[in-house]
């Protein structure tokens, strides 16, 4: 029996038959797959959607794979997304270029689907280990927002900000669940500082204060209408500060 997983994978490949093949085998393993046929569309989706891994062909039209990789790895909102490059080129220097731009692994075409799936799983395991090590190390960092649990200091792009105890707790919980929604009631039960009386609507006040302090990173704290909030590290700057 295959393992049930919830990871969302973006496949950027201009050849529809290859995209379909990749999608079929990844969905068999329980992954959710999103597709793009050009580098331009792939870059937009990687910035706008909460994805766990990107499979990227080097030779896609529009922006080529190398440029997409470079832009994503240069952006603190998307730099942590693991990238698996697909290349039809056989020269070692071509592979080295992709890795130098920040790609985490590569597969040469034509590829075996078992090898591809195995590499995807290995990258996701590596990414999860990094998250756990980061958490144990006392530092939580997403999209330029950094919480140092040891010193209890918060910063945005290196600029220190001051958070109340409740604001810290809310932001920490949202960041730990990157992409997952927390209801207002859940935020209340987990995050209210001891001795404080907080009602559900006051959560919105705390969120507004957090967003103000995050400045140009305010948009990573997203409102899910009628439910609550989530932290989206991959959210595009162009979406604005909040919904």
Protein backbone atom coordinates (compact mmCIF):
# COMPACT_ATOMS: atom_id res chain seq x y z
CA UNK A 1 0.00 0.00 0.00
CA UNK A 2 1.37 3.41 -0.95
CA UNK A 3 1.99 6.07 1.67
CA UNK A 4 -0.63 8.82 1.91
CA UNK A 5 0.99 12.23 1.46
CA UNK A 6 -0.27 15.77 0.97
CA UNK A 7 2.75 17.34 -0.71
CA UNK A 8 2.01 19.60 -3.67
CA UNK A 9 4.49 19.41 -6.54
CA UNK A 10 4.74 21.86 -9.43
CA UNK A 11 5.86 20.36 -12.75
CA UNK A 12 7.20 22.87 -15.31
CA UNK A 13 7.65 21.07 -18.62
CA UNK A 14 6.60 22.14 -22.13
CA UNK A 15 6.07 18.62 -23.51
CA UNK A 16 2.55 17.60 -22.54
CA UNK A 17 3.18 13.85 -22.78
CA UNK A 18 6.11 14.12 -20.35
CA UNK A 19 4.05 16.26 -17.96
CA UNK A 20 1.24 13.70 -18.08
CA UNK A 21 3.67 10.84 -17.44
CA UNK A 22 5.18 12.61 -14.43
CA UNK A 23 1.76 13.54 -13.09
CA UNK A 24 0.45 9.98 -13.41
CA UNK A 25 3.30 8.44 -11.43
CA UNK A 26 3.40 11.15 -8.76
CA UNK A 27 -0.35 10.99 -8.20
CA UNK A 28 -0.04 7.20 -7.83
CA UNK A 29 2.23 7.94 -4.87
CA UNK A 30 -0.31 10.31 -3.31
CA UNK A 31 1.18 13.64 -4.40
CA UNK A 32 -0.90 16.57 -5.62
CA UNK A 33 0.44 17.85 -8.95
CA UNK A 34 0.16 21.29 -10.57
CA UNK A 35 1.39 21.79 -14.15
CA UNK A 36 2.87 24.63 -16.19
CA UNK A 37 4.01 24.56 -19.81
CA UNK A 38 6.37 27.54 -19.75
CA UNK A 39 8.98 29.03 -17.48
CA UNK A 40 6.98 32.24 -17.15
CA UNK A 41 3.88 30.40 -15.90
CA UNK A 42 6.00 28.16 -13.70
CA UNK A 43 7.66 31.13 -12.00
CA UNK A 44 4.29 32.75 -11.34
CA UNK A 45 2.80 29.57 -9.85
CA UNK A 46 5.88 28.90 -7.70
CA UNK A 47 5.57 32.39 -6.26
CA UNK A 48 1.79 32.35 -5.82
CA UNK A 49 1.09 28.83 -4.53
CA UNK A 50 2.26 26.90 -1.46
CA UNK A 51 4.27 24.10 -3.10
CA UNK A 52 6.70 21.65 -1.50
CA UNK A 53 8.82 20.85 -4.56
CA UNK A 54 9.41 22.01 -8.14
CA UNK A 55 10.27 19.74 -11.07
CA UNK A 56 11.75 22.07 -13.69
CA UNK A 57 12.84 21.37 -17.26
CA UNK A 58 15.90 23.41 -18.27
CA UNK A 59 14.66 24.01 -21.83
CA UNK A 60 11.12 25.32 -21.23
CA UNK A 61 9.97 28.25 -23.42
CA UNK A 62 9.58 31.79 -22.12
CA UNK A 63 11.98 32.06 -19.22
CA UNK A 64 14.26 29.03 -19.43
CA UNK A 65 14.72 26.69 -16.50
CA UNK A 66 18.06 28.17 -15.48
CA UNK A 67 16.56 31.65 -15.17
CA UNK A 68 13.51 30.39 -13.27
CA UNK A 69 15.80 28.55 -10.87
CA UNK A 70 18.01 31.60 -10.39
CA UNK A 71 15.06 33.91 -9.68
CA UNK A 72 13.43 31.54 -7.20
CA UNK A 73 16.63 30.89 -5.27
CA UNK A 74 17.42 34.62 -5.14
CA UNK A 75 14.05 35.40 -3.54
CA UNK A 76 13.66 34.81 0.20
CA UNK A 77 9.98 33.98 -0.38
CA UNK A 78 10.84 30.96 -2.55
CA UNK A 79 14.48 30.08 -1.87
CA UNK A 80 13.60 27.11 0.34
CA UNK A 81 11.57 25.30 -2.36
CA UNK A 82 13.54 22.19 -3.45
CA UNK A 83 14.14 22.17 -7.22
CA UNK A 84 14.65 19.01 -9.26
CA UNK A 85 15.96 19.90 -12.73
CA UNK A 86 15.23 17.86 -15.84
CA UNK A 87 17.82 18.09 -18.60
CA UNK A 88 18.19 16.50 -22.01
CA UNK A 89 21.79 17.68 -22.17
CA UNK A 90 24.45 15.11 -21.38
CA UNK A 91 27.47 17.33 -20.77
CA UNK A 92 28.59 17.46 -17.15
CA UNK A 93 29.04 21.23 -17.40
CA UNK A 94 25.30 21.63 -18.11
CA UNK A 95 24.45 19.81 -14.90
CA UNK A 96 27.01 21.85 -12.96
CA UNK A 97 25.43 25.09 -14.20
CA UNK A 98 22.01 24.04 -12.89
CA UNK A 99 23.40 23.04 -9.51
CA UNK A 100 25.40 26.26 -9.28
CA UNK A 101 22.20 28.25 -9.80
CA UNK A 102 20.68 26.54 -6.77
CA UNK A 103 19.00 23.39 -8.11
CA UNK A 104 18.93 20.68 -5.45
CA UNK A 105 19.12 17.67 -7.78
CA UNK A 106 18.82 16.74 -11.44
CA UNK A 107 17.56 13.92 -13.65
CA UNK A 108 18.69 13.39 -17.24
CA UNK A 109 16.18 12.70 -20.01
CA UNK A 110 15.08 10.13 -20.91
CA UNK A 111 14.47 9.18 -17.30
CA UNK A 112 12.94 6.22 -15.52
CA UNK A 113 9.81 7.08 -13.57
CA UNK A 114 10.94 5.02 -10.57
CA UNK A 115 14.16 7.01 -10.38
CA UNK A 116 12.25 10.29 -10.68
CA UNK A 117 9.82 9.40 -7.90
CA UNK A 118 12.69 8.19 -5.70
CA UNK A 119 14.56 11.47 -6.16
CA UNK A 120 11.41 13.47 -5.40
CA UNK A 121 10.90 11.57 -2.15
CA UNK A 122 14.56 11.96 -1.21
CA UNK A 123 14.42 15.73 -1.74
CA UNK A 124 11.25 16.02 0.34
CA UNK A 125 12.83 13.99 3.16
CA UNK A 126 15.89 16.25 3.05
CA UNK A 127 13.69 19.34 3.16
CA UNK A 128 11.74 18.00 6.13
CA UNK A 129 14.95 17.13 8.00
CA UNK A 130 16.17 20.68 7.46
CA UNK A 131 12.94 22.04 8.93
CA UNK A 132 13.25 19.80 11.98
CA UNK A 133 16.91 20.69 12.50
CA UNK A 134 16.03 24.36 12.19
CA UNK A 135 13.31 23.95 14.80
CA UNK A 136 15.61 22.09 17.21
CA UNK A 137 18.27 24.74 16.70
CA UNK A 138 15.97 27.35 18.19
CA UNK A 139 15.53 29.40 15.03
CA UNK A 140 12.48 29.53 12.77
CA UNK A 141 12.86 31.36 9.45
CA UNK A 142 10.47 31.70 6.52
CA UNK A 143 10.33 34.27 3.72
CA UNK A 144 12.71 36.66 5.44
CA UNK A 145 10.84 36.47 8.77
CA UNK A 146 13.06 35.09 11.55
CA UNK A 147 12.16 34.06 15.09
CA UNK A 148 15.10 33.27 17.36
CA UNK A 149 13.61 31.26 20.20
CA UNK A 150 16.81 31.30 22.25
CA UNK A 151 17.04 35.08 22.46
CA UNK A 152 13.31 35.66 21.86
CA UNK A 153 14.12 38.14 19.10
CA UNK A 154 12.15 38.62 15.90
CA UNK A 155 13.40 40.19 12.69
CA UNK A 156 12.29 40.85 9.11
CA UNK A 157 15.04 40.86 6.48
CA UNK A 158 17.54 41.50 9.27
CA UNK A 159 15.53 44.37 10.80
CA UNK A 160 14.59 43.63 14.40
CA UNK A 161 10.93 44.06 15.33
CA UNK A 162 9.18 44.06 18.71
CA UNK A 163 6.34 41.58 19.26
CA UNK A 164 4.09 41.11 22.26
CA UNK A 165 3.95 37.64 23.80
CA UNK A 166 0.63 36.89 22.09
CA UNK A 167 1.86 38.22 18.73
CA UNK A 168 5.00 36.07 19.00
CA UNK A 169 2.93 32.98 19.79
CA UNK A 170 0.56 33.60 16.87
CA UNK A 171 3.35 34.20 14.36
CA UNK A 172 5.37 31.21 15.61
CA UNK A 173 2.41 28.84 15.29
CA UNK A 174 1.49 30.11 11.82
CA UNK A 175 5.09 29.80 10.60
CA UNK A 176 5.43 26.27 11.97
CA UNK A 177 2.33 25.27 10.01
CA UNK A 178 3.49 27.02 6.82
CA UNK A 179 0.58 26.80 4.35
CA UNK A 180 -1.89 25.21 6.79
CA UNK A 181 -4.89 27.17 8.06
CA UNK A 182 -5.38 27.92 11.76
CA UNK A 183 -8.90 28.84 12.88
CA UNK A 184 -9.43 31.81 15.19
CA UNK A 185 -10.48 29.42 17.95
CA UNK A 186 -7.32 27.36 17.50
CA UNK A 187 -5.19 30.50 17.57
CA UNK A 188 -6.91 31.55 20.80
CA UNK A 189 -6.36 28.21 22.52
CA UNK A 190 -2.71 27.94 21.50
CA UNK A 191 -1.45 31.50 21.44
CA UNK A 192 -3.09 33.75 24.03
CA UNK A 193 -0.57 34.88 26.63
CA UNK A 194 -1.18 33.60 30.15
CA UNK A 195 -3.49 35.84 32.17
CA UNK A 196 -4.91 37.69 29.16
CA UNK A 197 -8.59 37.71 28.25
CA UNK A 198 -8.91 37.35 24.48
CA UNK A 199 -12.04 36.79 22.38
CA UNK A 200 -12.07 35.46 18.82
CA UNK A 201 -12.45 38.84 17.13
CA UNK A 202 -9.43 40.14 19.03
CA UNK A 203 -7.36 37.69 17.02
CA UNK A 204 -7.95 39.96 14.02
CA UNK A 205 -6.51 42.90 15.97
CA UNK A 206 -3.36 40.93 16.76
CA UNK A 207 -3.02 39.88 13.11
CA UNK A 208 -3.30 43.49 11.94
CA UNK A 209 -0.58 44.47 14.39
CA UNK A 210 1.67 41.61 13.24
CA UNK A 211 1.20 42.58 9.58
CA UNK A 212 2.06 46.20 10.33
CA UNK A 213 5.28 45.12 12.03
CA UNK A 214 6.20 42.75 9.18
CA UNK A 215 6.18 45.68 6.73
CA UNK A 216 6.77 44.53 3.14
CA UNK A 217 6.44 40.90 4.29
CA UNK A 218 2.92 41.47 5.66
CA UNK A 219 1.36 39.53 2.79
CA UNK A 220 2.74 36.21 4.03
CA UNK A 221 0.06 36.24 6.76
CA UNK A 222 -3.01 35.45 4.70
CA UNK A 223 -6.67 35.68 5.68
CA UNK A 224 -8.79 32.63 4.86
CA UNK A 225 -12.26 34.13 4.83
CA UNK A 226 -14.67 32.72 7.37
CA UNK A 227 -12.05 30.39 8.84
CA UNK A 228 -8.86 32.02 10.08
CA UNK A 229 -5.30 32.62 8.93
CA UNK A 230 -2.26 30.93 7.44
CA UNK A 231 1.38 31.75 6.77
CA UNK A 232 2.39 31.31 3.13
CA UNK A 233 6.14 31.57 2.61
CA UNK A 234 5.77 31.20 -1.17
CA UNK A 235 3.28 34.02 -1.54
CA UNK A 236 4.10 36.64 -4.18
CA UNK A 237 4.93 40.18 -3.15
CA UNK A 238 2.62 41.33 -5.94
CA UNK A 239 -0.47 40.00 -4.16
CA UNK A 240 -0.45 42.85 -1.68
CA UNK A 241 -0.36 42.86 2.06
CA UNK A 242 -3.54 41.01 2.96
CA UNK A 243 -6.89 39.77 1.81
